[in-house]
Amino acid sequence: MRPQDELVRVARTAQGELVLSRRQPGRGAWLCPGSPVCLAAAERRGGFARALRASVSAEAVATLRERLGA
């Protein structure tokens, strides 16, 4: 098993929505699934904006949190 098989890829759509997809074009951020602590750390440290090289709204992160069940 490869290490990235244990992670989920988060990509940003042109509309600014964060989606879970390994096939979505463009830059992506990798996140540990099912870990509220990992998601909170990425949000607190600005990890999504840095990895995706685009601004990420708090609403987009909240929607992602719901999708991950975190």
PDB file of N, CA and C in Angstrom:
ATOM      1  N   MET A   1       0.840  -1.174   0.000  1.00  0.00           N
ATOM      2  CA  MET A   1       0.000   0.000   0.000  1.00  0.00           C
ATOM      3  C   MET A   1       0.890   1.244   0.000  1.00  0.00           C
ATOM      4  N   ARG A   2       0.573   2.177  -0.860  1.00  0.00           N
ATOM      5  CA  ARG A   2       1.318   3.429  -0.939  1.00  0.00           C
ATOM      6  C   ARG A   2       0.798   4.389   0.124  1.00  0.00           C
ATOM      7  N   PRO A   3       1.670   5.278   0.635  1.00  0.00           N
ATOM      8  CA  PRO A   3       1.219   6.221   1.669  1.00  0.00           C
ATOM      9  C   PRO A   3       0.055   7.099   1.235  1.00  0.00           C
ATOM     10  N   GLN A   4       0.009   7.523  -0.035  1.00  0.00           N
ATOM     11  CA  GLN A   4      -1.079   8.395  -0.462  1.00  0.00           C
ATOM     12  C   GLN A   4      -2.415   7.669  -0.528  1.00  0.00           C
ATOM     13  N   ASP A   5      -2.410   6.324  -0.468  1.00  0.00           N
ATOM     14  CA  ASP A   5      -3.671   5.590  -0.436  1.00  0.00           C
ATOM     15  C   ASP A   5      -4.395   5.802   0.888  1.00  0.00           C
ATOM     16  N   GLU A   6      -3.683   6.263   1.900  1.00  0.00           N
ATOM     17  CA  GLU A   6      -4.269   6.500   3.205  1.00  0.00           C
ATOM     18  C   GLU A   6      -4.763   7.944   3.355  1.00  0.00           C
ATOM     19  N   LEU A   7      -4.564   8.758   2.344  1.00  0.00           N
ATOM     20  CA  LEU A   7      -4.952  10.162   2.385  1.00  0.00           C
ATOM     21  C   LEU A   7      -6.045  10.441   1.353  1.00  0.00           C
ATOM     22  N   VAL A   8      -6.773  11.522   1.551  1.00  0.00           N
ATOM     23  CA  VAL A   8      -7.754  11.953   0.555  1.00  0.00           C
ATOM     24  C   VAL A   8      -7.252  13.253  -0.058  1.00  0.00           C
ATOM     25  N   ARG A   9      -7.536  13.439  -1.334  1.00  0.00           N
ATOM     26  CA  ARG A   9      -7.098  14.645  -2.038  1.00  0.00           C
ATOM     27  C   ARG A   9      -8.247  15.645  -2.054  1.00  0.00           C
ATOM     28  N   VAL A  10      -7.921  16.855  -1.688  1.00  0.00           N
ATOM     29  CA  VAL A  10      -8.884  17.949  -1.703  1.00  0.00           C
ATOM     30  C   VAL A  10      -8.478  18.891  -2.823  1.00  0.00           C
ATOM     31  N   ALA A  11      -9.392  19.182  -3.728  1.00  0.00           N
ATOM     32  CA  ALA A  11      -9.132  20.103  -4.832  1.00  0.00           C
ATOM     33  C   ALA A  11     -10.135  21.250  -4.758  1.00  0.00           C
ATOM     34  N   ARG A  12      -9.782  22.357  -5.367  1.00  0.00           N
ATOM     35  CA  ARG A  12     -10.662  23.536  -5.386  1.00  0.00           C
ATOM     36  C   ARG A  12     -11.212  23.697  -6.796  1.00  0.00           C
ATOM     37  N   THR A  13     -12.533  23.807  -6.905  1.00  0.00           N
ATOM     38  CA  THR A  13     -13.153  24.012  -8.211  1.00  0.00           C
ATOM     39  C   THR A  13     -13.029  25.481  -8.601  1.00  0.00           C
ATOM     40  N   ALA A  14     -13.368  25.792  -9.828  1.00  0.00           N
ATOM     41  CA  ALA A  14     -13.331  27.179 -10.302  1.00  0.00           C
ATOM     42  C   ALA A  14     -14.303  28.063  -9.527  1.00  0.00           C
ATOM     43  N   GLN A  15     -15.342  27.458  -8.959  1.00  0.00           N
ATOM     44  CA  GLN A  15     -16.334  28.207  -8.185  1.00  0.00           C
ATOM     45  C   GLN A  15     -15.897  28.409  -6.730  1.00  0.00           C
ATOM     46  N   GLY A  16     -14.750  27.860  -6.340  1.00  0.00           N
ATOM     47  CA  GLY A  16     -14.238  28.020  -4.987  1.00  0.00           C
ATOM     48  C   GLY A  16     -14.657  26.932  -4.021  1.00  0.00           C
ATOM     49  N   GLU A  17     -15.329  25.914  -4.518  1.00  0.00           N
ATOM     50  CA  GLU A  17     -15.782  24.810  -3.678  1.00  0.00           C
ATOM     51  C   GLU A  17     -14.637  23.816  -3.485  1.00  0.00           C
ATOM     52  N   LEU A  18     -14.522  23.235  -2.298  1.00  0.00           N
ATOM     53  CA  LEU A  18     -13.535  22.201  -2.037  1.00  0.00           C
ATOM     54  C   LEU A  18     -14.198  20.848  -2.242  1.00  0.00           C
ATOM     55  N   VAL A  19     -13.577  20.009  -3.074  1.00  0.00           N
ATOM     56  CA  VAL A  19     -14.137  18.694  -3.375  1.00  0.00           C
ATOM     57  C   VAL A  19     -13.096  17.620  -3.097  1.00  0.00           C
ATOM     58  N   LEU A  20     -13.590  16.437  -2.761  1.00  0.00           N
ATOM     59  CA  LEU A  20     -12.718  15.284  -2.563  1.00  0.00           C
ATOM     60  C   LEU A  20     -12.638  14.538  -3.884  1.00  0.00           C
ATOM     61  N   SER A  21     -11.468  14.543  -4.490  1.00  0.00           N
ATOM     62  CA  SER A  21     -11.329  13.890  -5.785  1.00  0.00           C
ATOM     63  C   SER A  21      -9.864  13.673  -6.114  1.00  0.00           C
ATOM     64  N   ARG A  22      -9.527  12.472  -6.505  1.00  0.00           N
ATOM     65  CA  ARG A  22      -8.168  12.187  -6.971  1.00  0.00           C
ATOM     66  C   ARG A  22      -8.007  12.568  -8.435  1.00  0.00           C
ATOM     67  N   ARG A  23      -9.110  12.817  -9.134  1.00  0.00           N
ATOM     68  CA  ARG A  23      -9.045  13.089 -10.567  1.00  0.00           C
ATOM     69  C   ARG A  23      -9.387  14.526 -10.953  1.00  0.00           C
ATOM     70  N   GLN A  24      -9.741  15.348  -9.993  1.00  0.00           N
ATOM     71  CA  GLN A  24     -10.055  16.746 -10.280  1.00  0.00           C
ATOM     72  C   GLN A  24      -8.796  17.443 -10.787  1.00  0.00           C
ATOM     73  N   PRO A  25      -8.877  18.173 -11.892  1.00  0.00           N
ATOM     74  CA  PRO A  25      -7.679  18.832 -12.422  1.00  0.00           C
ATOM     75  C   PRO A  25      -7.208  19.962 -11.502  1.00  0.00           C
ATOM     76  N   GLY A  26      -5.957  20.298 -11.636  1.00  0.00           N
ATOM     77  CA  GLY A  26      -5.389  21.403 -10.876  1.00  0.00           C
ATOM     78  C   GLY A  26      -4.665  20.946  -9.633  1.00  0.00           C
ATOM     79  N   ARG A  27      -4.296  21.922  -8.852  1.00  0.00           N
ATOM     80  CA  ARG A  27      -3.549  21.648  -7.625  1.00  0.00           C
ATOM     81  C   ARG A  27      -4.455  20.979  -6.605  1.00  0.00           C
ATOM     82  N   GLY A  28      -3.844  20.230  -5.714  1.00  0.00           N
ATOM     83  CA  GLY A  28      -4.602  19.552  -4.677  1.00  0.00           C
ATOM     84  C   GLY A  28      -3.867  19.592  -3.354  1.00  0.00           C
ATOM     85  N   ALA A  29      -4.586  19.350  -2.306  1.00  0.00           N
ATOM     86  CA  ALA A  29      -4.031  19.242  -0.963  1.00  0.00           C
ATOM     87  C   ALA A  29      -4.409  17.858  -0.434  1.00  0.00           C
ATOM     88  N   TRP A  30      -3.493  17.227   0.268  1.00  0.00           N
ATOM     89  CA  TRP A  30      -3.755  15.903   0.812  1.00  0.00           C
ATOM     90  C   TRP A  30      -4.100  16.023   2.286  1.00  0.00           C
ATOM     91  N   LEU A  31      -5.086  15.246   2.699  1.00  0.00           N
ATOM     92  CA  LEU A  31      -5.613  15.347   4.050  1.00  0.00           C
ATOM     93  C   LEU A  31      -5.877  13.947   4.591  1.00  0.00           C
ATOM     94  N   CYS A  32      -5.629  13.765   5.882  1.00  0.00           N
ATOM     95  CA  CYS A  32      -5.929  12.474   6.496  1.00  0.00           C
ATOM     96  C   CYS A  32      -7.446  12.375   6.703  1.00  0.00           C
ATOM     97  N   PRO A  33      -8.062  11.302   6.228  1.00  0.00           N
ATOM     98  CA  PRO A  33      -9.524  11.188   6.312  1.00  0.00           C
ATOM     99  C   PRO A  33      -9.993  10.861   7.730  1.00  0.00           C
ATOM    100  N   GLY A  34     -11.162  11.369   8.078  1.00  0.00           N
ATOM    101  CA  GLY A  34     -11.773  11.024   9.352  1.00  0.00           C
ATOM    102  C   GLY A  34     -11.086  11.607  10.568  1.00  0.00           C
ATOM    103  N   SER A  35     -10.242  12.614  10.375  1.00  0.00           N
ATOM    104  CA  SER A  35      -9.539  13.203  11.506  1.00  0.00           C
ATOM    105  C   SER A  35      -9.906  14.676  11.648  1.00  0.00           C
ATOM    106  N   PRO A  36     -10.760  14.996  12.603  1.00  0.00           N
ATOM    107  CA  PRO A  36     -11.116  16.397  12.818  1.00  0.00           C
ATOM    108  C   PRO A  36      -9.896  17.238  13.209  1.00  0.00           C
ATOM    109  N   VAL A  37      -8.937  16.635  13.891  1.00  0.00           N
ATOM    110  CA  VAL A  37      -7.738  17.350  14.316  1.00  0.00           C
ATOM    111  C   VAL A  37      -6.902  17.740  13.097  1.00  0.00           C
ATOM    112  N   CYS A  38      -6.776  16.853  12.132  1.00  0.00           N
ATOM    113  CA  CYS A  38      -6.013  17.121  10.911  1.00  0.00           C
ATOM    114  C   CYS A  38      -6.670  18.248  10.109  1.00  0.00           C
ATOM    115  N   LEU A  39      -7.970  18.187   9.982  1.00  0.00           N
ATOM    116  CA  LEU A  39      -8.705  19.219   9.245  1.00  0.00           C
ATOM    117  C   LEU A  39      -8.589  20.572   9.945  1.00  0.00           C
ATOM    118  N   ALA A  40      -8.730  20.580  11.258  1.00  0.00           N
ATOM    119  CA  ALA A  40      -8.625  21.824  12.016  1.00  0.00           C
ATOM    120  C   ALA A  40      -7.227  22.427  11.900  1.00  0.00           C
ATOM    121  N   ALA A  41      -6.200  21.574  11.925  1.00  0.00           N
ATOM    122  CA  ALA A  41      -4.821  22.060  11.794  1.00  0.00           C
ATOM    123  C   ALA A  41      -4.591  22.660  10.415  1.00  0.00           C
ATOM    124  N   ALA A  42      -5.101  22.011   9.383  1.00  0.00           N
ATOM    125  CA  ALA A  42      -4.948  22.533   8.019  1.00  0.00           C
ATOM    126  C   ALA A  42      -5.646  23.882   7.880  1.00  0.00           C
ATOM    127  N   GLU A  43      -6.805  24.004   8.476  1.00  0.00           N
ATOM    128  CA  GLU A  43      -7.547  25.263   8.415  1.00  0.00           C
ATOM    129  C   GLU A  43      -6.836  26.354   9.215  1.00  0.00           C
ATOM    130  N   ARG A  44      -6.412  26.027  10.431  1.00  0.00           N
ATOM    131  CA  ARG A  44      -5.774  26.998  11.314  1.00  0.00           C
ATOM    132  C   ARG A  44      -4.457  27.518  10.737  1.00  0.00           C
ATOM    133  N   ARG A  45      -3.697  26.647  10.106  1.00  0.00           N
ATOM    134  CA  ARG A  45      -2.392  27.016   9.560  1.00  0.00           C
ATOM    135  C   ARG A  45      -2.448  27.579   8.147  1.00  0.00           C
ATOM    136  N   GLY A  46      -3.644  27.633   7.566  1.00  0.00           N
ATOM    137  CA  GLY A  46      -3.769  28.146   6.201  1.00  0.00           C
ATOM    138  C   GLY A  46      -3.243  27.168   5.158  1.00  0.00           C
ATOM    139  N   GLY A  47      -3.300  25.899   5.480  1.00  0.00           N
ATOM    140  CA  GLY A  47      -2.759  24.869   4.599  1.00  0.00           C
ATOM    141  C   GLY A  47      -3.473  24.739   3.269  1.00  0.00           C
ATOM    142  N   PHE A  48      -4.783  24.914   3.267  1.00  0.00           N
ATOM    143  CA  PHE A  48      -5.523  24.790   2.008  1.00  0.00           C
ATOM    144  C   PHE A  48      -5.151  25.908   1.046  1.00  0.00           C
ATOM    145  N   ALA A  49      -5.148  27.129   1.526  1.00  0.00           N
ATOM    146  CA  ALA A  49      -4.814  28.268   0.663  1.00  0.00           C
ATOM    147  C   ALA A  49      -3.384  28.144   0.139  1.00  0.00           C
ATOM    148  N   ARG A  50      -2.481  27.696   0.984  1.00  0.00           N
ATOM    149  CA  ARG A  50      -1.080  27.556   0.575  1.00  0.00           C
ATOM    150  C   ARG A  50      -0.912  26.434  -0.465  1.00  0.00           C
ATOM    151  N   ALA A  51      -1.497  25.278  -0.203  1.00  0.00           N
ATOM    152  CA  ALA A  51      -1.351  24.143  -1.114  1.00  0.00           C
ATOM    153  C   ALA A  51      -2.065  24.375  -2.440  1.00  0.00           C
ATOM    154  N   LEU A  52      -3.224  25.026  -2.379  1.00  0.00           N
ATOM    155  CA  LEU A  52      -4.016  25.236  -3.584  1.00  0.00           C
ATOM    156  C   LEU A  52      -3.650  26.537  -4.304  1.00  0.00           C
ATOM    157  N   ARG A  53      -2.841  27.360  -3.645  1.00  0.00           N
ATOM    158  CA  ARG A  53      -2.432  28.651  -4.192  1.00  0.00           C
ATOM    159  C   ARG A  53      -3.625  29.503  -4.609  1.00  0.00           C
ATOM    160  N   ALA A  54      -4.619  29.504  -3.755  1.00  0.00           N
ATOM    161  CA  ALA A  54      -5.835  30.287  -3.986  1.00  0.00           C
ATOM    162  C   ALA A  54      -6.513  30.501  -2.643  1.00  0.00           C
ATOM    163  N   SER A  55      -7.289  31.549  -2.544  1.00  0.00           N
ATOM    164  CA  SER A  55      -8.005  31.790  -1.290  1.00  0.00           C
ATOM    165  C   SER A  55      -9.103  30.744  -1.124  1.00  0.00           C
ATOM    166  N   VAL A  56      -9.320  30.369   0.123  1.00  0.00           N
ATOM    167  CA  VAL A  56     -10.335  29.369   0.450  1.00  0.00           C
ATOM    168  C   VAL A  56     -11.235  29.967   1.527  1.00  0.00           C
ATOM    169  N   SER A  57     -12.519  30.000   1.256  1.00  0.00           N
ATOM    170  CA  SER A  57     -13.458  30.604   2.205  1.00  0.00           C
ATOM    171  C   SER A  57     -13.727  29.665   3.384  1.00  0.00           C
ATOM    172  N   ALA A  58     -14.131  30.268   4.483  1.00  0.00           N
ATOM    173  CA  ALA A  58     -14.497  29.490   5.669  1.00  0.00           C
ATOM    174  C   ALA A  58     -15.710  28.612   5.366  1.00  0.00           C
ATOM    175  N   GLU A  59     -16.596  29.103   4.507  1.00  0.00           N
ATOM    176  CA  GLU A  59     -17.778  28.325   4.113  1.00  0.00           C
ATOM    177  C   GLU A  59     -17.370  27.056   3.357  1.00  0.00           C
ATOM    178  N   ALA A  60     -16.373  27.164   2.488  1.00  0.00           N
ATOM    179  CA  ALA A  60     -15.897  25.998   1.735  1.00  0.00           C
ATOM    180  C   ALA A  60     -15.294  24.960   2.681  1.00  0.00           C
ATOM    181  N   VAL A  61     -14.572  25.421   3.685  1.00  0.00           N
ATOM    182  CA  VAL A  61     -13.976  24.500   4.661  1.00  0.00           C
ATOM    183  C   VAL A  61     -15.077  23.848   5.500  1.00  0.00           C
ATOM    184  N   ALA A  62     -16.104  24.609   5.863  1.00  0.00           N
ATOM    185  CA  ALA A  62     -17.223  24.061   6.641  1.00  0.00           C
ATOM    186  C   ALA A  62     -17.955  22.976   5.839  1.00  0.00           C
ATOM    187  N   THR A  63     -18.138  23.213   4.550  1.00  0.00           N
ATOM    188  CA  THR A  63     -18.782  22.208   3.689  1.00  0.00           C
ATOM    189  C   THR A  63     -17.913  20.955   3.607  1.00  0.00           C
ATOM    190  N   LEU A  64     -16.606  21.147   3.471  1.00  0.00           N
ATOM    191  CA  LEU A  64     -15.689  20.006   3.435  1.00  0.00           C
ATOM    192  C   LEU A  64     -15.761  19.221   4.750  1.00  0.00           C
ATOM    193  N   ARG A  65     -15.836  19.932   5.869  1.00  0.00           N
ATOM    194  CA  ARG A  65     -15.927  19.281   7.178  1.00  0.00           C
ATOM    195  C   ARG A  65     -17.157  18.394   7.248  1.00  0.00           C
ATOM    196  N   GLU A  66     -18.278  18.880   6.708  1.00  0.00           N
ATOM    197  CA  GLU A  66     -19.509  18.072   6.688  1.00  0.00           C
ATOM    198  C   GLU A  66     -19.332  16.825   5.824  1.00  0.00           C
ATOM    199  N   ARG A  67     -18.702  16.981   4.671  1.00  0.00           N
ATOM    200  CA  ARG A  67     -18.497  15.851   3.761  1.00  0.00           C
ATOM    201  C   ARG A  67     -17.586  14.780   4.386  1.00  0.00           C
ATOM    202  N   LEU A  68     -16.591  15.232   5.135  1.00  0.00           N
ATOM    203  CA  LEU A  68     -15.667  14.294   5.772  1.00  0.00           C
ATOM    204  C   LEU A  68     -16.251  13.696   7.038  1.00  0.00           C
ATOM    205  N   GLY A  69     -17.328  14.300   7.545  1.00  0.00           N
ATOM    206  CA  GLY A  69     -17.931  13.804   8.768  1.00  0.00           C
ATOM    207  C   GLY A  69     -17.071  14.133   9.980  1.00  0.00           C
ATOM    208  N   ALA A  70     -16.262  15.189   9.850  1.00  0.00           N
ATOM    209  CA  ALA A  70     -15.341  15.555  10.942  1.00  0.00           C
ATOM    210  C   ALA A  70     -15.965  16.590  11.849  1.00  0.00           C
TER     211      ALA A  70
END
